[in-house]
Amino acid sequence: LYGRVLCGVCQMICPDQAIRWVEEKPYNPEKVVIEY
């Protein structure tokens, strides 16, 4: 849940940060892809 919320917040404020977060935490790509 934390990962999904973080990605959503970053997308609204700064999409670039969301992309970096995905690269830094690739151990859980499914949740990121669903929200992205």
PDB file of N, CA and C in Angstrom:
ATOM      1  N   LEU A   1       0.844  -1.207   0.000  1.00  0.00           N
ATOM      2  CA  LEU A   1       0.000   0.000   0.000  1.00  0.00           C
ATOM      3  C   LEU A   1       0.873   1.250   0.000  1.00  0.00           C
ATOM      4  N   TYR A   2       1.922   1.246   0.798  1.00  0.00           N
ATOM      5  CA  TYR A   2       2.791   2.430   0.865  1.00  0.00           C
ATOM      6  C   TYR A   2       3.375   2.762  -0.512  1.00  0.00           C
ATOM      7  N   GLY A   3       3.819   1.721  -1.210  1.00  0.00           N
ATOM      8  CA  GLY A   3       4.395   1.939  -2.533  1.00  0.00           C
ATOM      9  C   GLY A   3       3.373   2.534  -3.495  1.00  0.00           C
ATOM     10  N   ARG A   4       2.147   2.037  -3.446  1.00  0.00           N
ATOM     11  CA  ARG A   4       1.112   2.528  -4.367  1.00  0.00           C
ATOM     12  C   ARG A   4       0.793   3.982  -4.068  1.00  0.00           C
ATOM     13  N   VAL A   5       0.660   4.315  -2.783  1.00  0.00           N
ATOM     14  CA  VAL A   5       0.331   5.699  -2.412  1.00  0.00           C
ATOM     15  C   VAL A   5       1.471   6.626  -2.809  1.00  0.00           C
ATOM     16  N   LEU A   6       2.703   6.225  -2.514  1.00  0.00           N
ATOM     17  CA  LEU A   6       3.856   7.062  -2.825  1.00  0.00           C
ATOM     18  C   LEU A   6       3.911   7.350  -4.326  1.00  0.00           C
ATOM     19  N   CYS A   7       3.702   6.314  -5.140  1.00  0.00           N
ATOM     20  CA  CYS A   7       3.752   6.489  -6.589  1.00  0.00           C
ATOM     21  C   CYS A   7       2.665   7.466  -7.035  1.00  0.00           C
ATOM     22  N   GLY A   8       1.463   7.336  -6.494  1.00  0.00           N
ATOM     23  CA  GLY A   8       0.370   8.225  -6.881  1.00  0.00           C
ATOM     24  C   GLY A   8       0.675   9.667  -6.513  1.00  0.00           C
ATOM     25  N   VAL A   9       1.192   9.883  -5.305  1.00  0.00           N
ATOM     26  CA  VAL A   9       1.505  11.248  -4.862  1.00  0.00           C
ATOM     27  C   VAL A   9       2.605  11.837  -5.733  1.00  0.00           C
ATOM     28  N   CYS A  10       3.651  11.050  -5.985  1.00  0.00           N
ATOM     29  CA  CYS A  10       4.766  11.553  -6.801  1.00  0.00           C
ATOM     30  C   CYS A  10       4.286  11.883  -8.211  1.00  0.00           C
ATOM     31  N   GLN A  11       3.367  11.076  -8.737  1.00  0.00           N
ATOM     32  CA  GLN A  11       2.879  11.319 -10.097  1.00  0.00           C
ATOM     33  C   GLN A  11       2.219  12.685 -10.186  1.00  0.00           C
ATOM     34  N   MET A  12       1.420  13.039  -9.170  1.00  0.00           N
ATOM     35  CA  MET A  12       0.726  14.332  -9.205  1.00  0.00           C
ATOM     36  C   MET A  12       1.700  15.489  -9.019  1.00  0.00           C
ATOM     37  N   ILE A  13       2.615  15.345  -8.050  1.00  0.00           N
ATOM     38  CA  ILE A  13       3.533  16.450  -7.743  1.00  0.00           C
ATOM     39  C   ILE A  13       4.673  16.498  -8.760  1.00  0.00           C
ATOM     40  N   CYS A  14       5.364  15.368  -8.911  1.00  0.00           N
ATOM     41  CA  CYS A  14       6.522  15.355  -9.817  1.00  0.00           C
ATOM     42  C   CYS A  14       6.651  13.982 -10.461  1.00  0.00           C
ATOM     43  N   PRO A  15       6.207  13.810 -11.699  1.00  0.00           N
ATOM     44  CA  PRO A  15       6.274  12.524 -12.407  1.00  0.00           C
ATOM     45  C   PRO A  15       7.707  11.997 -12.489  1.00  0.00           C
ATOM     46  N   ASP A  16       8.685  12.908 -12.611  1.00  0.00           N
ATOM     47  CA  ASP A  16      10.081  12.467 -12.714  1.00  0.00           C
ATOM     48  C   ASP A  16      10.486  11.685 -11.467  1.00  0.00           C
ATOM     49  N   GLN A  17      10.032  12.145 -10.308  1.00  0.00           N
ATOM     50  CA  GLN A  17      10.403  11.475  -9.053  1.00  0.00           C
ATOM     51  C   GLN A  17       9.799  10.074  -9.022  1.00  0.00           C
ATOM     52  N   ALA A  18       8.592   9.915  -9.524  1.00  0.00           N
ATOM     53  CA  ALA A  18       7.942   8.599  -9.522  1.00  0.00           C
ATOM     54  C   ALA A  18       8.777   7.613 -10.339  1.00  0.00           C
ATOM     55  N   ILE A  19       9.299   8.079 -11.484  1.00  0.00           N
ATOM     56  CA  ILE A  19      10.103   7.191 -12.327  1.00  0.00           C
ATOM     57  C   ILE A  19      11.357   6.760 -11.566  1.00  0.00           C
ATOM     58  N   ARG A  20      12.001   7.712 -10.883  1.00  0.00           N
ATOM     59  CA  ARG A  20      13.211   7.372 -10.127  1.00  0.00           C
ATOM     60  C   ARG A  20      12.878   6.379  -9.024  1.00  0.00           C
ATOM     61  N   TRP A  21      11.731   6.583  -8.364  1.00  0.00           N
ATOM     62  CA  TRP A  21      11.346   5.684  -7.273  1.00  0.00           C
ATOM     63  C   TRP A  21      11.189   4.263  -7.810  1.00  0.00           C
ATOM     64  N   VAL A  22      10.612   4.129  -8.986  1.00  0.00           N
ATOM     65  CA  VAL A  22      10.420   2.803  -9.586  1.00  0.00           C
ATOM     66  C   VAL A  22      11.783   2.159  -9.833  1.00  0.00           C
ATOM     67  N   GLU A  23      12.741   2.942 -10.333  1.00  0.00           N
ATOM     68  CA  GLU A  23      14.064   2.391 -10.617  1.00  0.00           C
ATOM     69  C   GLU A  23      14.767   1.982  -9.326  1.00  0.00           C
ATOM     70  N   GLU A  24      14.570   2.766  -8.268  1.00  0.00           N
ATOM     71  CA  GLU A  24      15.245   2.464  -7.005  1.00  0.00           C
ATOM     72  C   GLU A  24      14.635   1.245  -6.323  1.00  0.00           C
ATOM     73  N   LYS A  25      13.314   1.028  -6.524  1.00  0.00           N
ATOM     74  CA  LYS A  25      12.662  -0.105  -5.859  1.00  0.00           C
ATOM     75  C   LYS A  25      12.017  -1.014  -6.912  1.00  0.00           C
ATOM     76  N   PRO A  26      12.820  -1.768  -7.650  1.00  0.00           N
ATOM     77  CA  PRO A  26      12.280  -2.656  -8.689  1.00  0.00           C
ATOM     78  C   PRO A  26      11.824  -3.999  -8.128  1.00  0.00           C
ATOM     79  N   TYR A  27      11.936  -4.184  -6.814  1.00  0.00           N
ATOM     80  CA  TYR A  27      11.552  -5.463  -6.216  1.00  0.00           C
ATOM     81  C   TYR A  27      10.036  -5.598  -6.135  1.00  0.00           C
ATOM     82  N   ASN A  28       9.296  -4.540  -6.465  1.00  0.00           N
ATOM     83  CA  ASN A  28       7.834  -4.625  -6.402  1.00  0.00           C
ATOM     84  C   ASN A  28       7.241  -3.869  -7.598  1.00  0.00           C
ATOM     85  N   PRO A  29       7.509  -4.325  -8.827  1.00  0.00           N
ATOM     86  CA  PRO A  29       7.058  -3.595 -10.023  1.00  0.00           C
ATOM     87  C   PRO A  29       5.569  -3.755 -10.295  1.00  0.00           C
ATOM     88  N   GLU A  30       4.964  -4.831  -9.802  1.00  0.00           N
ATOM     89  CA  GLU A  30       3.543  -5.062 -10.091  1.00  0.00           C
ATOM     90  C   GLU A  30       2.684  -3.930  -9.545  1.00  0.00           C
ATOM     91  N   LYS A  31       2.885  -3.567  -8.277  1.00  0.00           N
ATOM     92  CA  LYS A  31       2.075  -2.506  -7.677  1.00  0.00           C
ATOM     93  C   LYS A  31       2.290  -1.192  -8.425  1.00  0.00           C
ATOM     94  N   VAL A  32       3.528  -0.900  -8.783  1.00  0.00           N
ATOM     95  CA  VAL A  32       3.826   0.350  -9.482  1.00  0.00           C
ATOM     96  C   VAL A  32       3.125   0.371 -10.838  1.00  0.00           C
ATOM     97  N   VAL A  33       3.180  -0.734 -11.558  1.00  0.00           N
ATOM     98  CA  VAL A  33       2.570  -0.796 -12.890  1.00  0.00           C
ATOM     99  C   VAL A  33       1.057  -0.603 -12.784  1.00  0.00           C
ATOM    100  N   ILE A  34       0.439  -1.224 -11.798  1.00  0.00           N
ATOM    101  CA  ILE A  34      -1.018  -1.115 -11.651  1.00  0.00           C
ATOM    102  C   ILE A  34      -1.420   0.340 -11.429  1.00  0.00           C
ATOM    103  N   GLU A  35      -0.689   1.043 -10.559  1.00  0.00           N
ATOM    104  CA  GLU A  35      -1.041   2.431 -10.265  1.00  0.00           C
ATOM    105  C   GLU A  35      -0.576   3.350 -11.388  1.00  0.00           C
ATOM    106  N   TYR A  36       0.526   2.997 -12.038  1.00  0.00           N
ATOM    107  CA  TYR A  36       1.074   3.858 -13.077  1.00  0.00           C
ATOM    108  C   TYR A  36       0.185   3.776 -14.310  1.00  0.00           C
TER     109      TYR A  36
END
